[in-house]
Amino acid sequence: MPEVRQLPVPDGLAGERVDAALSRLLGFSRTRAAEIAAAGGVSVDGRVVGKSDRLVAGAWLEVEIPDVAAPTVEVVPEPVPGMGIVHDDDDVVVVDKPVGVAAHPSPGWTGPTVVGALAAAGYRIATSGAAERQGVVHRLDVGTSGLMVVAKSEHAYTVLKRAFKERTVEKVYHALVQGHPEPTTGTIDAPIGRHPSSDWKFAVVADGKPSVTHYELLEMFPAASLVEVHLETGRTHQIRVHFSALRHPCVGDLTYGADPALAARVGLSRQWLHAVRLGFEHPSTGAWLEVTSEYPADLQHALDVVSAGYR
């Protein structure tokens, strides 16, 4: 059955084209929004409209979103050198994910995955999640290293999904950011959504999802600062987007405005961002489980170069 979304046209979208408005309201690409309109799936006050029709504030918008068959993605059991197991029991396994590894298989990704590595190591994940995302209750970017928990049982999957949704999981990252953030301890509360002109990245946008990042300066160097980051929400690229918006992008994060010369000097081809600590109530015992991770070699080397006084 197609999904139907009904809502009044916000004042801020008065006069917007249908395809542009749907893209902003519902997070579609403009191409997909235009396809839905062309198929007769968009009506305003009961009248079917085309992609280039203009919207009127307060009008009743109804969008029929056709089902999109999810492509079948095969889990390929593949060992991942350098991926460590930090904790393992009947309910959960916590991995220390290296850079260059995705959380799970997806269309277009041909590299290694956490799910594939666990399958290759003989781990049995039995949850109601999609086959290619078995046990995955949160993700780390391919270019971000560090701690990630995977649920092994249906009970753990349900409990941990709820814990992440209710924000009772402690997710702590260290980031090396350019310059010196002011104040040295603060909260970044700014909504994040798709970048208005680059569909493949994200940005602080007025109609984005609520996103909250807490940070504290750990150490200051001439060219950069090491900060500890606590995530209250878990949006895609949240830390990278928030610090880029402050004009203090993660060192090495060329996607979000980092200085290429500094990245080359410290030998980084990815963002300096590492999930150093993860804490949550164990889904079966209720006891607090907390694990930590050391910086990988590439990040430690970059930190050593910066702390030696590179300007």
Protein backbone atom coordinates (compact mmCIF):
# COMPACT_ATOMS: atom_id res chain seq x y z
CA MET A 1 0.00 0.00 0.00
CA PRO A 2 1.34 3.48 -0.84
CA GLU A 3 1.94 5.85 2.05
CA VAL A 4 -0.27 8.96 2.12
CA ARG A 5 0.97 12.17 3.76
CA GLN A 6 -1.48 14.99 4.45
CA LEU A 7 -0.55 18.41 5.81
CA PRO A 8 -1.26 22.14 5.37
CA VAL A 9 1.14 24.13 3.21
CA PRO A 10 3.41 26.12 5.61
CA ASP A 11 3.58 29.88 5.14
CA GLY A 12 7.25 29.60 4.27
CA LEU A 13 6.48 27.53 1.17
CA ALA A 14 3.89 29.90 -0.30
CA GLY A 15 4.62 30.37 -4.00
CA GLU A 16 7.05 27.43 -4.17
CA ARG A 17 6.87 24.91 -7.01
CA VAL A 18 5.39 21.56 -6.00
CA ASP A 19 8.60 19.59 -6.67
CA ALA A 20 10.76 22.04 -4.69
CA ALA A 21 8.28 22.17 -1.81
CA LEU A 22 8.00 18.36 -1.55
CA SER A 23 11.78 18.13 -1.55
CA ARG A 24 11.99 20.51 1.42
CA LEU A 25 8.96 19.20 3.30
CA LEU A 26 9.45 15.46 2.94
CA GLY A 27 13.16 15.09 2.19
CA PHE A 28 12.77 13.75 -1.36
CA SER A 29 15.12 14.60 -4.18
CA ARG A 30 13.45 17.01 -6.60
CA THR A 31 13.61 14.29 -9.25
CA ARG A 32 11.56 11.89 -7.12
CA ALA A 33 9.13 14.65 -6.14
CA ALA A 34 8.61 15.43 -9.83
CA GLU A 35 8.01 11.74 -10.60
CA ILE A 36 5.36 11.49 -7.87
CA ALA A 37 3.63 14.61 -9.21
CA ALA A 38 3.80 13.32 -12.80
CA ALA A 39 2.09 10.11 -11.67
CA GLY A 40 -0.82 12.13 -10.22
CA GLY A 41 0.24 11.58 -6.63
CA VAL A 42 0.02 15.21 -5.44
CA SER A 43 -3.19 17.10 -4.80
CA VAL A 44 -3.90 20.51 -3.27
CA ASP A 45 -7.35 21.07 -1.76
CA GLY A 46 -8.49 17.93 -3.58
CA ARG A 47 -7.18 18.98 -7.00
CA VAL A 48 -4.34 17.03 -8.65
CA VAL A 49 -1.41 19.33 -9.41
CA GLY A 50 1.73 19.09 -11.51
CA LYS A 51 5.36 19.50 -10.51
CA SER A 52 5.58 23.15 -11.61
CA ASP A 53 2.32 24.34 -10.05
CA ARG A 54 2.74 26.86 -7.23
CA LEU A 55 1.55 26.29 -3.67
CA VAL A 56 -0.67 28.55 -1.58
CA ALA A 57 -0.12 28.91 2.17
CA GLY A 58 -2.69 27.06 4.24
CA ALA A 59 -3.92 24.89 1.37
CA TRP A 60 -4.35 21.19 2.18
CA LEU A 61 -1.58 19.16 0.59
CA GLU A 62 -1.98 15.42 0.04
CA VAL A 63 0.89 13.30 -1.26
CA GLU A 64 0.59 9.64 -2.21
CA ILE A 65 4.04 8.09 -1.97
CA PRO A 66 4.31 4.88 -4.00
CA ASP A 67 5.99 1.86 -2.48
CA VAL A 68 9.57 1.49 -3.59
CA ALA A 69 10.78 -2.07 -3.60
CA ALA A 70 13.93 -2.17 -1.54
CA PRO A 71 16.80 -3.58 -3.57
CA THR A 72 18.08 -6.89 -2.35
CA VAL A 73 21.46 -6.47 -0.75
CA GLU A 74 23.47 -9.59 -0.03
CA VAL A 75 25.50 -9.95 3.15
CA VAL A 76 28.93 -11.18 2.09
CA PRO A 77 30.83 -12.78 4.99
CA GLU A 78 34.18 -11.02 4.81
CA PRO A 79 36.80 -10.72 7.56
CA VAL A 80 37.82 -7.15 8.37
CA PRO A 81 41.46 -6.87 9.46
CA GLY A 82 41.80 -4.59 12.45
CA MET A 83 38.19 -4.86 13.63
CA GLY A 84 38.31 -5.70 17.32
CA ILE A 85 35.69 -7.28 19.56
CA VAL A 86 35.51 -5.18 22.74
CA HIS A 87 32.62 -7.00 24.45
CA ASP A 88 30.64 -10.12 23.63
CA ASP A 89 27.83 -11.98 25.40
CA ASP A 90 24.56 -13.71 24.48
CA ASP A 91 22.76 -10.43 23.79
CA VAL A 92 25.25 -7.95 22.35
CA VAL A 93 28.61 -7.66 20.66
CA VAL A 94 30.52 -4.37 20.72
CA VAL A 95 33.03 -3.87 17.92
CA ASP A 96 35.84 -1.37 17.45
CA LYS A 97 35.26 -0.43 13.81
CA PRO A 98 38.22 0.61 11.64
CA VAL A 99 37.94 3.40 9.09
CA GLY A 100 36.70 2.33 5.64
CA VAL A 101 34.13 -0.12 6.96
CA ALA A 102 30.36 0.43 6.62
CA ALA A 103 27.93 -0.63 9.33
CA HIS A 104 25.97 -2.84 6.93
CA PRO A 105 25.64 -3.59 3.20
CA SER A 106 23.75 -1.07 1.06
CA PRO A 107 23.21 -0.45 -2.67
CA GLY A 108 26.37 0.94 -4.24
CA TRP A 109 28.70 -0.02 -1.36
CA THR A 110 31.13 -2.79 -2.30
CA GLY A 111 33.53 -2.47 0.61
CA PRO A 112 33.69 -4.36 3.92
CA THR A 113 30.91 -4.13 6.54
CA VAL A 114 30.53 -4.80 10.25
CA VAL A 115 27.65 -7.20 9.56
CA GLY A 116 29.75 -9.12 7.01
CA ALA A 117 32.74 -9.26 9.35
CA LEU A 118 30.61 -10.68 12.18
CA ALA A 119 29.13 -13.27 9.81
CA ALA A 120 32.63 -14.28 8.70
CA ALA A 121 33.65 -14.66 12.35
CA GLY A 122 30.74 -17.03 12.98
CA TYR A 123 28.53 -14.67 14.97
CA ARG A 124 24.85 -15.57 14.88
CA ILE A 125 22.60 -12.52 14.82
CA ALA A 126 18.90 -13.33 15.23
CA THR A 127 16.72 -10.22 15.10
CA SER A 128 13.75 -8.86 13.19
CA GLY A 129 15.90 -6.30 11.37
CA ALA A 130 16.27 -6.50 7.60
CA ALA A 131 18.60 -9.32 6.59
CA GLU A 132 21.41 -7.00 5.52
CA ARG A 133 21.09 -4.91 8.71
CA GLN A 134 20.79 -7.74 11.23
CA GLY A 135 21.27 -6.42 14.74
CA VAL A 136 22.29 -2.90 13.69
CA VAL A 137 20.78 -0.40 16.16
CA HIS A 138 23.02 2.57 15.28
CA ARG A 139 25.69 3.38 12.73
CA LEU A 140 29.07 5.00 12.31
CA ASP A 141 30.05 6.66 9.03
CA VAL A 142 32.42 4.69 6.81
CA GLY A 143 35.04 7.37 7.48
CA THR A 144 34.55 7.37 11.27
CA SER A 145 36.23 4.78 13.47
CA GLY A 146 35.36 3.51 16.93
CA LEU A 147 32.77 1.73 19.00
CA MET A 148 29.54 0.27 17.69
CA VAL A 149 27.15 -2.15 19.43
CA VAL A 150 25.27 -4.85 17.51
CA ALA A 151 22.31 -6.70 19.04
CA LYS A 152 22.55 -10.51 18.83
CA SER A 153 19.08 -11.39 20.15
CA GLU A 154 15.58 -10.15 19.39
CA HIS A 155 15.19 -8.96 22.98
CA ALA A 156 18.42 -6.96 22.84
CA TYR A 157 17.47 -5.48 19.46
CA THR A 158 14.13 -4.20 20.79
CA VAL A 159 15.59 -2.82 24.03
CA LEU A 160 18.56 -1.11 22.38
CA LYS A 161 16.48 0.42 19.58
CA ARG A 162 14.29 1.97 22.26
CA ALA A 163 17.32 3.12 24.27
CA PHE A 164 18.79 4.94 21.27
CA LYS A 165 15.42 6.49 20.46
CA GLU A 166 14.97 7.65 24.07
CA ARG A 167 18.57 8.95 24.16
CA THR A 168 19.61 6.94 27.20
CA VAL A 169 22.74 5.64 25.46
CA GLU A 170 25.96 7.55 26.16
CA LYS A 171 27.82 8.18 22.90
CA VAL A 172 31.13 9.98 23.33
CA TYR A 173 33.46 11.01 20.51
CA HIS A 174 36.79 12.78 20.30
CA ALA A 175 37.29 15.15 17.39
CA LEU A 176 40.28 17.19 16.30
CA VAL A 177 38.81 20.39 14.88
CA GLN A 178 40.47 23.29 13.14
CA GLY A 179 41.05 26.45 15.14
CA HIS A 180 39.83 27.13 18.65
CA PRO A 181 36.08 26.91 19.36
CA GLU A 182 34.60 29.63 21.57
CA PRO A 183 33.25 29.08 24.12
CA THR A 184 35.51 26.19 25.09
CA THR A 185 32.50 24.27 26.48
CA GLY A 186 29.16 24.55 24.79
CA THR A 187 26.12 23.09 23.09
CA ILE A 188 25.36 23.27 19.38
CA ASP A 189 21.59 23.16 18.91
CA ALA A 190 20.92 23.49 15.19
CA PRO A 191 18.61 21.46 12.90
CA ILE A 192 20.23 19.23 10.28
CA GLY A 193 18.82 18.16 6.92
CA ARG A 194 19.92 17.43 3.38
CA HIS A 195 22.23 20.05 1.92
CA PRO A 196 20.12 22.36 -0.31
CA SER A 197 22.40 21.99 -3.33
CA SER A 198 24.46 18.83 -2.66
CA ASP A 199 22.17 15.83 -2.11
CA TRP A 200 25.04 13.63 -0.90
CA LYS A 201 25.83 15.68 2.18
CA PHE A 202 24.05 17.42 5.04
CA ALA A 203 23.83 20.95 6.42
CA VAL A 204 22.28 23.10 9.12
CA VAL A 205 18.92 24.05 7.56
CA ALA A 206 15.85 25.73 9.05
CA ASP A 207 13.52 22.81 8.30
CA GLY A 208 15.97 20.07 9.34
CA LYS A 209 15.59 17.58 12.17
CA PRO A 210 16.38 18.77 15.71
CA SER A 211 20.07 18.06 16.40
CA VAL A 212 21.97 18.68 19.64
CA THR A 213 25.73 18.29 20.17
CA HIS A 214 27.53 19.01 23.48
CA TYR A 215 31.28 19.59 23.43
CA GLU A 216 34.16 20.35 25.78
CA LEU A 217 37.69 21.43 24.89
CA LEU A 218 40.28 18.87 26.00
CA GLU A 219 43.47 20.38 24.59
CA MET A 220 44.38 23.36 22.44
CA PHE A 221 47.17 23.39 19.81
CA PRO A 222 48.36 26.17 17.50
CA ALA A 223 46.34 24.97 14.51
CA ALA A 224 43.58 22.86 16.06
CA SER A 225 41.73 21.76 19.19
CA LEU A 226 40.95 18.32 20.58
CA VAL A 227 37.35 18.24 21.81
CA GLU A 228 35.18 15.68 23.55
CA VAL A 229 31.71 15.43 22.07
CA HIS A 230 28.54 14.00 23.61
CA LEU A 231 25.69 13.40 21.19
CA GLU A 232 22.17 14.02 22.39
CA THR A 233 20.71 13.19 18.97
CA GLY A 234 22.20 10.95 16.29
CA ARG A 235 21.76 12.55 12.88
CA THR A 236 23.85 11.49 9.90
CA HIS A 237 27.17 13.41 9.89
CA GLN A 238 25.96 15.39 12.94
CA ILE A 239 29.34 16.20 14.51
CA ARG A 240 30.91 16.98 11.15
CA VAL A 241 28.05 19.28 10.11
CA HIS A 242 27.79 21.09 13.44
CA PHE A 243 31.50 21.88 13.73
CA SER A 244 31.65 22.88 10.08
CA ALA A 245 28.77 25.29 10.74
CA LEU A 246 30.87 26.83 13.55
CA ARG A 247 33.75 27.27 11.07
CA HIS A 248 35.74 24.63 12.95
CA PRO A 249 35.50 21.54 10.70
CA CYS A 250 37.11 18.27 11.73
CA VAL A 251 40.72 18.14 10.57
CA GLY A 252 40.86 16.14 7.32
CA ASP A 253 37.13 16.48 6.59
CA LEU A 254 37.38 17.93 3.08
CA THR A 255 33.68 17.25 2.44
CA TYR A 256 32.76 19.77 5.13
CA GLY A 257 35.31 22.48 4.50
CA ALA A 258 38.54 21.33 6.15
CA ASP A 259 41.85 22.83 5.00
CA PRO A 260 43.43 20.44 2.44
CA ALA A 261 46.93 21.70 3.28
CA LEU A 262 46.53 20.85 6.96
CA ALA A 263 45.04 17.45 6.08
CA ALA A 264 48.04 16.69 3.85
CA ARG A 265 50.49 17.90 6.48
CA VAL A 266 49.10 15.54 9.13
CA GLY A 267 48.64 12.68 6.65
CA LEU A 268 44.86 12.35 6.89
CA SER A 269 42.52 11.27 4.11
CA ARG A 270 39.45 11.20 6.36
CA GLN A 271 37.92 13.24 9.16
CA TRP A 272 39.64 13.17 12.58
CA LEU A 273 36.69 11.72 14.47
CA HIS A 274 36.61 8.66 16.72
CA ALA A 275 33.89 7.05 18.86
CA VAL A 276 35.90 6.64 22.07
CA ARG A 277 33.26 5.61 24.58
CA LEU A 278 29.90 3.88 24.50
CA GLY A 279 27.71 3.22 27.52
CA PHE A 280 24.25 1.70 27.91
CA GLU A 281 22.13 -0.41 30.22
CA HIS A 282 22.61 -4.07 29.35
CA PRO A 283 19.37 -5.25 27.72
CA SER A 284 19.08 -8.34 29.93
CA THR A 285 20.76 -7.49 33.24
CA GLY A 286 20.06 -3.75 33.38
CA ALA A 287 23.64 -3.22 34.56
CA TRP A 288 25.51 -0.26 33.05
CA LEU A 289 27.94 -1.48 30.37
CA GLU A 290 30.64 0.96 29.27
CA VAL A 291 33.44 0.34 26.79
CA THR A 292 36.28 2.52 25.50
CA SER A 293 38.53 2.62 22.44
CA GLU A 294 42.04 3.95 21.81
CA TYR A 295 42.79 6.24 18.86
CA PRO A 296 43.80 4.32 15.71
CA ALA A 297 47.26 4.87 14.25
CA ASP A 298 46.32 7.44 11.58
CA LEU A 299 44.50 9.68 14.07
CA GLN A 300 47.25 9.36 16.69
CA HIS A 301 49.86 10.31 14.09
CA ALA A 302 47.85 13.39 13.03
CA LEU A 303 47.42 14.41 16.67
CA ASP A 304 51.16 14.00 17.27
CA VAL A 305 51.97 16.25 14.29
CA VAL A 306 49.50 18.93 15.39
CA SER A 307 50.64 18.82 19.03
CA ALA A 308 54.26 19.22 17.91
CA GLY A 309 53.34 22.74 16.86
CA TYR A 310 52.32 22.69 13.18
CA ARG A 311 50.90 26.13 12.32
